[in-house]
Each structure stands twice: as structure tokens, then as C-alpha cells.
Amino acid sequence: MNISKCISTRLREILYQRKLSIGDLQDLTGQSKGTLTSLLYNRYNAVNLKTVFIILQALNITVLEFFDSDLFVDLNKINLD
């Protein structure tokens, strides 16, 4: 799995847990629905960390909490391409 897929999967997990929609996330972050949809469904080759950090701040999640997931346990096996 590549890093973009790991991040999008983790964000979708969090939205599911909190029962939030893309529209809710758009309201919280001020990011466009297109940007959020593309990020959440891994339509980008690379993830914009600034966008991820905006989302984390809006959801009141620390970076450490975000990366505390089995998706990121063995970073040496994540494809960075």
C-alpha cells in the first residue's frame, strides 16, 4: 500500500467513527468538496500535508493520534511512490 492510500484510508476511518460526511468535513475545514473527495478516495499521486494538517486541526486530532494506526505500524513496508 502506498502512503497516499494509507492516509486516505485513515481519514475515512476517522470520519466513519465520528459519523461525519464529506460535506461535514468541508464545513469544518473550508476545503473544497473536490479536494476532500480526491484525498479521501486516493485520487492523488501525492498527498498535500498542509491539507491533511488542516483536516486534523479541524477534527481536533493530533498528528500522533492520526498515525497511531495499524496502517502505519511498519513504515518500512509502505510504498512511498
PDB file of N, CA and C in Angstrom:
ATOM      1  N   MET A   1       0.860  -1.174   0.000  1.00  0.00           N
ATOM      2  CA  MET A   1       0.000   0.000   0.000  1.00  0.00           C
ATOM      3  C   MET A   1       0.904   1.234   0.000  1.00  0.00           C
ATOM      4  N   ASN A   2       0.525   2.255  -0.775  1.00  0.00           N
ATOM      5  CA  ASN A   2       1.352   3.461  -0.760  1.00  0.00           C
ATOM      6  C   ASN A   2       0.894   4.433   0.323  1.00  0.00           C
ATOM      7  N   ILE A   3       1.715   5.416   0.593  1.00  0.00           N
ATOM      8  CA  ILE A   3       1.460   6.346   1.697  1.00  0.00           C
ATOM      9  C   ILE A   3       0.159   7.127   1.494  1.00  0.00           C
ATOM     10  N   SER A   4      -0.141   7.503   0.249  1.00  0.00           N
ATOM     11  CA  SER A   4      -1.383   8.229  -0.025  1.00  0.00           C
ATOM     12  C   SER A   4      -2.599   7.386   0.329  1.00  0.00           C
ATOM     13  N   LYS A   5      -2.548   6.112  -0.010  1.00  0.00           N
ATOM     14  CA  LYS A   5      -3.653   5.196   0.292  1.00  0.00           C
ATOM     15  C   LYS A   5      -3.793   5.009   1.802  1.00  0.00           C
ATOM     16  N   CYS A   6      -2.688   4.905   2.507  1.00  0.00           N
ATOM     17  CA  CYS A   6      -2.732   4.773   3.968  1.00  0.00           C
ATOM     18  C   CYS A   6      -3.393   5.991   4.601  1.00  0.00           C
ATOM     19  N   ILE A   7      -3.019   7.171   4.147  1.00  0.00           N
ATOM     20  CA  ILE A   7      -3.575   8.406   4.706  1.00  0.00           C
ATOM     21  C   ILE A   7      -5.060   8.520   4.385  1.00  0.00           C
ATOM     22  N   SER A   8      -5.442   8.229   3.146  1.00  0.00           N
ATOM     23  CA  SER A   8      -6.862   8.334   2.793  1.00  0.00           C
ATOM     24  C   SER A   8      -7.691   7.306   3.567  1.00  0.00           C
ATOM     25  N   THR A   9      -7.155   6.112   3.719  1.00  0.00           N
ATOM     26  CA  THR A   9      -7.855   5.076   4.483  1.00  0.00           C
ATOM     27  C   THR A   9      -8.033   5.500   5.939  1.00  0.00           C
ATOM     28  N   ARG A  10      -6.992   6.057   6.523  1.00  0.00           N
ATOM     29  CA  ARG A  10      -7.058   6.500   7.924  1.00  0.00           C
ATOM     30  C   ARG A  10      -8.074   7.637   8.088  1.00  0.00           C
ATOM     31  N   LEU A  11      -8.072   8.573   7.171  1.00  0.00           N
ATOM     32  CA  LEU A  11      -9.039   9.672   7.258  1.00  0.00           C
ATOM     33  C   LEU A  11     -10.474   9.156   7.141  1.00  0.00           C
ATOM     34  N   ARG A  12     -10.706   8.212   6.236  1.00  0.00           N
ATOM     35  CA  ARG A  12     -12.044   7.648   6.114  1.00  0.00           C
ATOM     36  C   ARG A  12     -12.455   6.895   7.378  1.00  0.00           C
ATOM     37  N   GLU A  13     -11.514   6.199   8.009  1.00  0.00           N
ATOM     38  CA  GLU A  13     -11.806   5.524   9.284  1.00  0.00           C
ATOM     39  C   GLU A  13     -12.293   6.523  10.329  1.00  0.00           C
ATOM     40  N   ILE A  14     -11.583   7.630  10.425  1.00  0.00           N
ATOM     41  CA  ILE A  14     -11.916   8.650  11.427  1.00  0.00           C
ATOM     42  C   ILE A  14     -13.285   9.267  11.136  1.00  0.00           C
ATOM     43  N   LEU A  15     -13.549   9.573   9.878  1.00  0.00           N
ATOM     44  CA  LEU A  15     -14.854  10.137   9.525  1.00  0.00           C
ATOM     45  C   LEU A  15     -15.972   9.145   9.846  1.00  0.00           C
ATOM     46  N   TYR A  16     -15.748   7.876   9.562  1.00  0.00           N
ATOM     47  CA  TYR A  16     -16.744   6.844   9.861  1.00  0.00           C
ATOM     48  C   TYR A  16     -16.996   6.754  11.374  1.00  0.00           C
ATOM     49  N   GLN A  17     -15.924   6.754  12.144  1.00  0.00           N
ATOM     50  CA  GLN A  17     -16.052   6.665  13.604  1.00  0.00           C
ATOM     51  C   GLN A  17     -16.831   7.839  14.166  1.00  0.00           C
ATOM     52  N   ARG A  18     -16.619   8.997  13.574  1.00  0.00           N
ATOM     53  CA  ARG A  18     -17.279  10.209  14.074  1.00  0.00           C
ATOM     54  C   ARG A  18     -18.604  10.499  13.382  1.00  0.00           C
ATOM     55  N   LYS A  19     -18.974   9.622  12.458  1.00  0.00           N
ATOM     56  CA  LYS A  19     -20.231   9.773  11.698  1.00  0.00           C
ATOM     57  C   LYS A  19     -20.287  11.115  10.974  1.00  0.00           C
ATOM     58  N   LEU A  20     -19.177  11.457  10.323  1.00  0.00           N
ATOM     59  CA  LEU A  20     -19.080  12.702   9.567  1.00  0.00           C
ATOM     60  C   LEU A  20     -19.053  12.412   8.077  1.00  0.00           C
ATOM     61  N   SER A  21     -19.682  13.267   7.313  1.00  0.00           N
ATOM     62  CA  SER A  21     -19.687  13.140   5.855  1.00  0.00           C
ATOM     63  C   SER A  21     -18.628  14.060   5.257  1.00  0.00           C
ATOM     64  N   ILE A  22     -18.422  13.922   3.970  1.00  0.00           N
ATOM     65  CA  ILE A  22     -17.505  14.836   3.276  1.00  0.00           C
ATOM     66  C   ILE A  22     -18.029  16.264   3.388  1.00  0.00           C
ATOM     67  N   GLY A  23     -19.344  16.424   3.317  1.00  0.00           N
ATOM     68  CA  GLY A  23     -19.941  17.756   3.478  1.00  0.00           C
ATOM     69  C   GLY A  23     -19.654  18.337   4.858  1.00  0.00           C
ATOM     70  N   ASP A  24     -19.736  17.507   5.885  1.00  0.00           N
ATOM     71  CA  ASP A  24     -19.405  17.960   7.242  1.00  0.00           C
ATOM     72  C   ASP A  24     -17.943  18.396   7.304  1.00  0.00           C
ATOM     73  N   LEU A  25     -17.077  17.591   6.696  1.00  0.00           N
ATOM     74  CA  LEU A  25     -15.651  17.902   6.702  1.00  0.00           C
ATOM     75  C   LEU A  25     -15.376  19.195   5.933  1.00  0.00           C
ATOM     76  N   GLN A  26     -16.097  19.391   4.855  1.00  0.00           N
ATOM     77  CA  GLN A  26     -15.961  20.632   4.080  1.00  0.00           C
ATOM     78  C   GLN A  26     -16.339  21.835   4.945  1.00  0.00           C
ATOM     79  N   ASP A  27     -17.415  21.721   5.682  1.00  0.00           N
ATOM     80  CA  ASP A  27     -17.846  22.808   6.568  1.00  0.00           C
ATOM     81  C   ASP A  27     -16.802  23.093   7.654  1.00  0.00           C
ATOM     82  N   LEU A  28     -16.213  22.032   8.192  1.00  0.00           N
ATOM     83  CA  LEU A  28     -15.228  22.188   9.270  1.00  0.00           C
ATOM     84  C   LEU A  28     -13.900  22.771   8.790  1.00  0.00           C
ATOM     85  N   THR A  29     -13.506  22.412   7.575  1.00  0.00           N
ATOM     86  CA  THR A  29     -12.163  22.771   7.104  1.00  0.00           C
ATOM     87  C   THR A  29     -12.120  23.954   6.142  1.00  0.00           C
ATOM     88  N   GLY A  30     -13.215  24.208   5.439  1.00  0.00           N
ATOM     89  CA  GLY A  30     -13.200  25.235   4.402  1.00  0.00           C
ATOM     90  C   GLY A  30     -12.548  24.763   3.113  1.00  0.00           C
ATOM     91  N   GLN A  31     -12.183  23.487   3.058  1.00  0.00           N
ATOM     92  CA  GLN A  31     -11.587  22.913   1.848  1.00  0.00           C
ATOM     93  C   GLN A  31     -12.708  22.564   0.874  1.00  0.00           C
ATOM     94  N   SER A  32     -12.395  22.550  -0.414  1.00  0.00           N
ATOM     95  CA  SER A  32     -13.418  22.242  -1.404  1.00  0.00           C
ATOM     96  C   SER A  32     -13.807  20.771  -1.329  1.00  0.00           C
ATOM     97  N   LYS A  33     -15.040  20.500  -1.716  1.00  0.00           N
ATOM     98  CA  LYS A  33     -15.531  19.124  -1.714  1.00  0.00           C
ATOM     99  C   LYS A  33     -14.702  18.266  -2.670  1.00  0.00           C
ATOM    100  N   GLY A  34     -14.298  18.834  -3.803  1.00  0.00           N
ATOM    101  CA  GLY A  34     -13.480  18.107  -4.769  1.00  0.00           C
ATOM    102  C   GLY A  34     -12.137  17.702  -4.195  1.00  0.00           C
ATOM    103  N   THR A  35     -11.498  18.624  -3.485  1.00  0.00           N
ATOM    104  CA  THR A  35     -10.212  18.327  -2.847  1.00  0.00           C
ATOM    105  C   THR A  35     -10.366  17.224  -1.819  1.00  0.00           C
ATOM    106  N   LEU A  36     -11.381  17.329  -0.985  1.00  0.00           N
ATOM    107  CA  LEU A  36     -11.599  16.339   0.067  1.00  0.00           C
ATOM    108  C   LEU A  36     -11.954  14.973  -0.514  1.00  0.00           C
ATOM    109  N   THR A  37     -12.803  14.967  -1.513  1.00  0.00           N
ATOM    110  CA  THR A  37     -13.183  13.704  -2.159  1.00  0.00           C
ATOM    111  C   THR A  37     -11.963  13.038  -2.779  1.00  0.00           C
ATOM    112  N   SER A  38     -11.160  13.813  -3.474  1.00  0.00           N
ATOM    113  CA  SER A  38      -9.955  13.259  -4.104  1.00  0.00           C
ATOM    114  C   SER A  38      -8.986  12.712  -3.066  1.00  0.00           C
ATOM    115  N   LEU A  39      -8.851  13.415  -1.954  1.00  0.00           N
ATOM    116  CA  LEU A  39      -7.959  12.951  -0.887  1.00  0.00           C
ATOM    117  C   LEU A  39      -8.508  11.680  -0.232  1.00  0.00           C
ATOM    118  N   LEU A  40      -9.792  11.682   0.080  1.00  0.00           N
ATOM    119  CA  LEU A  40     -10.388  10.552   0.785  1.00  0.00           C
ATOM    120  C   LEU A  40     -10.494   9.292  -0.069  1.00  0.00           C
ATOM    121  N   TYR A  41     -10.531   9.450  -1.378  1.00  0.00           N
ATOM    122  CA  TYR A  41     -10.643   8.292  -2.257  1.00  0.00           C
ATOM    123  C   TYR A  41      -9.377   8.072  -3.081  1.00  0.00           C
ATOM    124  N   ASN A  42      -8.281   8.608  -2.561  1.00  0.00           N
ATOM    125  CA  ASN A  42      -6.948   8.344  -3.093  1.00  0.00           C
ATOM    126  C   ASN A  42      -6.839   8.608  -4.589  1.00  0.00           C
ATOM    127  N   ARG A  43      -7.317   9.760  -5.019  1.00  0.00           N
ATOM    128  CA  ARG A  43      -7.245  10.119  -6.433  1.00  0.00           C
ATOM    129  C   ARG A  43      -6.025  10.961  -6.764  1.00  0.00           C
ATOM    130  N   TYR A  44      -5.187  11.203  -5.763  1.00  0.00           N
ATOM    131  CA  TYR A  44      -3.950  11.953  -5.966  1.00  0.00           C
ATOM    132  C   TYR A  44      -2.767  10.996  -5.924  1.00  0.00           C
ATOM    133  N   ASN A  45      -1.732  11.311  -6.680  1.00  0.00           N
ATOM    134  CA  ASN A  45      -0.496  10.524  -6.605  1.00  0.00           C
ATOM    135  C   ASN A  45       0.291  10.858  -5.346  1.00  0.00           C
ATOM    136  N   ALA A  46       0.101  12.056  -4.840  1.00  0.00           N
ATOM    137  CA  ALA A  46       0.800  12.504  -3.636  1.00  0.00           C
ATOM    138  C   ALA A  46      -0.192  13.259  -2.755  1.00  0.00           C
ATOM    139  N   VAL A  47       0.026  13.183  -1.476  1.00  0.00           N
ATOM    140  CA  VAL A  47      -0.851  13.839  -0.510  1.00  0.00           C
ATOM    141  C   VAL A  47      -0.239  15.171  -0.107  1.00  0.00           C
ATOM    142  N   ASN A  48      -1.065  16.205  -0.069  1.00  0.00           N
ATOM    143  CA  ASN A  48      -0.630  17.518   0.389  1.00  0.00           C
ATOM    144  C   ASN A  48      -0.750  17.529   1.918  1.00  0.00           C
ATOM    145  N   LEU A  49       0.394  17.557   2.586  1.00  0.00           N
ATOM    146  CA  LEU A  49       0.376  17.503   4.052  1.00  0.00           C
ATOM    147  C   LEU A  49      -0.327  18.699   4.672  1.00  0.00           C
ATOM    148  N   LYS A  50      -0.254  19.837   4.025  1.00  0.00           N
ATOM    149  CA  LYS A  50      -0.947  21.006   4.565  1.00  0.00           C
ATOM    150  C   LYS A  50      -2.453  20.723   4.651  1.00  0.00           C
ATOM    151  N   THR A  51      -3.007  20.116   3.623  1.00  0.00           N
ATOM    152  CA  THR A  51      -4.429  19.768   3.631  1.00  0.00           C
ATOM    153  C   THR A  51      -4.731  18.761   4.735  1.00  0.00           C
ATOM    154  N   VAL A  52      -3.871  17.764   4.884  1.00  0.00           N
ATOM    155  CA  VAL A  52      -4.059  16.775   5.948  1.00  0.00           C
ATOM    156  C   VAL A  52      -4.018  17.463   7.309  1.00  0.00           C
ATOM    157  N   PHE A  53      -3.074  18.373   7.518  1.00  0.00           N
ATOM    158  CA  PHE A  53      -2.973  19.064   8.806  1.00  0.00           C
ATOM    159  C   PHE A  53      -4.177  19.959   9.061  1.00  0.00           C
ATOM    160  N   ILE A  54      -4.723  20.580   8.025  1.00  0.00           N
ATOM    161  CA  ILE A  54      -5.944  21.384   8.173  1.00  0.00           C
ATOM    162  C   ILE A  54      -7.087  20.489   8.647  1.00  0.00           C
ATOM    163  N   ILE A  55      -7.183  19.308   8.052  1.00  0.00           N
ATOM    164  CA  ILE A  55      -8.228  18.358   8.446  1.00  0.00           C
ATOM    165  C   ILE A  55      -8.033  17.906   9.894  1.00  0.00           C
ATOM    166  N   LEU A  56      -6.806  17.565  10.243  1.00  0.00           N
ATOM    167  CA  LEU A  56      -6.536  17.111  11.608  1.00  0.00           C
ATOM    168  C   LEU A  56      -6.864  18.199  12.627  1.00  0.00           C
ATOM    169  N   GLN A  57      -6.507  19.439  12.324  1.00  0.00           N
ATOM    170  CA  GLN A  57      -6.826  20.542  13.243  1.00  0.00           C
ATOM    171  C   GLN A  57      -8.328  20.707  13.373  1.00  0.00           C
ATOM    172  N   ALA A  58      -9.044  20.629  12.261  1.00  0.00           N
ATOM    173  CA  ALA A  58     -10.496  20.797  12.289  1.00  0.00           C
ATOM    174  C   ALA A  58     -11.172  19.688  13.091  1.00  0.00           C
ATOM    175  N   LEU A  59     -10.591  18.493  13.042  1.00  0.00           N
ATOM    176  CA  LEU A  59     -11.144  17.356  13.775  1.00  0.00           C
ATOM    177  C   LEU A  59     -10.576  17.228  15.183  1.00  0.00           C
ATOM    178  N   ASN A  60      -9.688  18.155  15.534  1.00  0.00           N
ATOM    179  CA  ASN A  60      -9.051  18.152  16.849  1.00  0.00           C
ATOM    180  C   ASN A  60      -8.315  16.830  17.122  1.00  0.00           C
ATOM    181  N   ILE A  61      -7.523  16.417  16.130  1.00  0.00           N
ATOM    182  CA  ILE A  61      -6.725  15.197  16.212  1.00  0.00           C
ATOM    183  C   ILE A  61      -5.259  15.580  16.089  1.00  0.00           C
ATOM    184  N   THR A  62      -4.438  15.060  16.979  1.00  0.00           N
ATOM    185  CA  THR A  62      -3.006  15.336  16.866  1.00  0.00           C
ATOM    186  C   THR A  62      -2.399  14.447  15.776  1.00  0.00           C
ATOM    187  N   VAL A  63      -1.254  14.854  15.314  1.00  0.00           N
ATOM    188  CA  VAL A  63      -0.537  14.065  14.314  1.00  0.00           C
ATOM    189  C   VAL A  63      -0.217  12.681  14.880  1.00  0.00           C
ATOM    190  N   LEU A  64       0.177  12.645  16.141  1.00  0.00           N
ATOM    191  CA  LEU A  64       0.485  11.351  16.775  1.00  0.00           C
ATOM    192  C   LEU A  64      -0.741  10.451  16.845  1.00  0.00           C
ATOM    193  N   GLU A  65      -1.892  11.010  17.168  1.00  0.00           N
ATOM    194  CA  GLU A  65      -3.120  10.218  17.194  1.00  0.00           C
ATOM    195  C   GLU A  65      -3.458   9.688  15.804  1.00  0.00           C
ATOM    196  N   PHE A  66      -3.267  10.538  14.799  1.00  0.00           N
ATOM    197  CA  PHE A  66      -3.585  10.143  13.431  1.00  0.00           C
ATOM    198  C   PHE A  66      -2.737   8.947  12.991  1.00  0.00           C
ATOM    199  N   PHE A  67      -1.436   9.029  13.247  1.00  0.00           N
ATOM    200  CA  PHE A  67      -0.532   7.980  12.790  1.00  0.00           C
ATOM    201  C   PHE A  67      -0.481   6.778  13.737  1.00  0.00           C
ATOM    202  N   ASP A  68      -1.234   6.828  14.829  1.00  0.00           N
ATOM    203  CA  ASP A  68      -1.313   5.700  15.742  1.00  0.00           C
ATOM    204  C   ASP A  68      -2.368   4.720  15.218  1.00  0.00           C
ATOM    205  N   SER A  69      -2.003   4.034  14.162  1.00  0.00           N
ATOM    206  CA  SER A  69      -2.896   3.112  13.475  1.00  0.00           C
ATOM    207  C   SER A  69      -2.077   1.962  12.914  1.00  0.00           C
ATOM    208  N   ASP A  70      -2.702   0.812  12.818  1.00  0.00           N
ATOM    209  CA  ASP A  70      -2.021  -0.340  12.234  1.00  0.00           C
ATOM    210  C   ASP A  70      -1.575  -0.076  10.799  1.00  0.00           C
ATOM    211  N   LEU A  71      -2.222   0.863  10.128  1.00  0.00           N
ATOM    212  CA  LEU A  71      -1.828   1.199   8.756  1.00  0.00           C
ATOM    213  C   LEU A  71      -0.377   1.666   8.678  1.00  0.00           C
ATOM    214  N   PHE A  72       0.094   2.276   9.756  1.00  0.00           N
ATOM    215  CA  PHE A  72       1.424   2.881   9.751  1.00  0.00           C
ATOM    216  C   PHE A  72       2.424   2.141  10.645  1.00  0.00           C
ATOM    217  N   VAL A  73       2.067   0.955  11.121  1.00  0.00           N
ATOM    218  CA  VAL A  73       2.920   0.234  12.061  1.00  0.00           C
ATOM    219  C   VAL A  73       4.318  -0.027  11.484  1.00  0.00           C
ATOM    220  N   ASP A  74       4.365  -0.528  10.292  1.00  0.00           N
ATOM    221  CA  ASP A  74       5.652  -0.845   9.686  1.00  0.00           C
ATOM    222  C   ASP A  74       5.894   0.086   8.505  1.00  0.00           C
ATOM    223  N   LEU A  75       6.375   1.280   8.812  1.00  0.00           N
ATOM    224  CA  LEU A  75       6.582   2.291   7.770  1.00  0.00           C
ATOM    225  C   LEU A  75       7.603   1.848   6.724  1.00  0.00           C
ATOM    226  N   ASN A  76       8.466   0.916   7.070  1.00  0.00           N
ATOM    227  CA  ASN A  76       9.445   0.440   6.109  1.00  0.00           C
ATOM    228  C   ASN A  76       8.817  -0.347   4.961  1.00  0.00           C
ATOM    229  N   LYS A  77       7.596  -0.833   5.175  1.00  0.00           N
ATOM    230  CA  LYS A  77       6.925  -1.596   4.129  1.00  0.00           C
ATOM    231  C   LYS A  77       5.946  -0.771   3.297  1.00  0.00           C
ATOM    232  N   ILE A  78       5.744   0.494   3.661  1.00  0.00           N
ATOM    233  CA  ILE A  78       4.843   1.359   2.914  1.00  0.00           C
ATOM    234  C   ILE A  78       5.571   1.863   1.664  1.00  0.00           C
ATOM    235  N   ASN A  79       4.897   1.736   0.555  1.00  0.00           N
ATOM    236  CA  ASN A  79       5.436   2.219  -0.715  1.00  0.00           C
ATOM    237  C   ASN A  79       5.301   3.747  -0.743  1.00  0.00           C
ATOM    238  N   LEU A  80       6.406   4.427  -0.907  1.00  0.00           N
ATOM    239  CA  LEU A  80       6.393   5.898  -0.905  1.00  0.00           C
ATOM    240  C   LEU A  80       6.138   6.477  -2.284  1.00  0.00           C
ATOM    241  N   ASP A  81       5.957   5.648  -3.276  1.00  0.00           N
ATOM    242  CA  ASP A  81       5.677   6.132  -4.643  1.00  0.00           C
ATOM    243  C   ASP A  81       4.221   6.425  -4.826  1.00  0.00           C
TER     244      ASP A  81
END
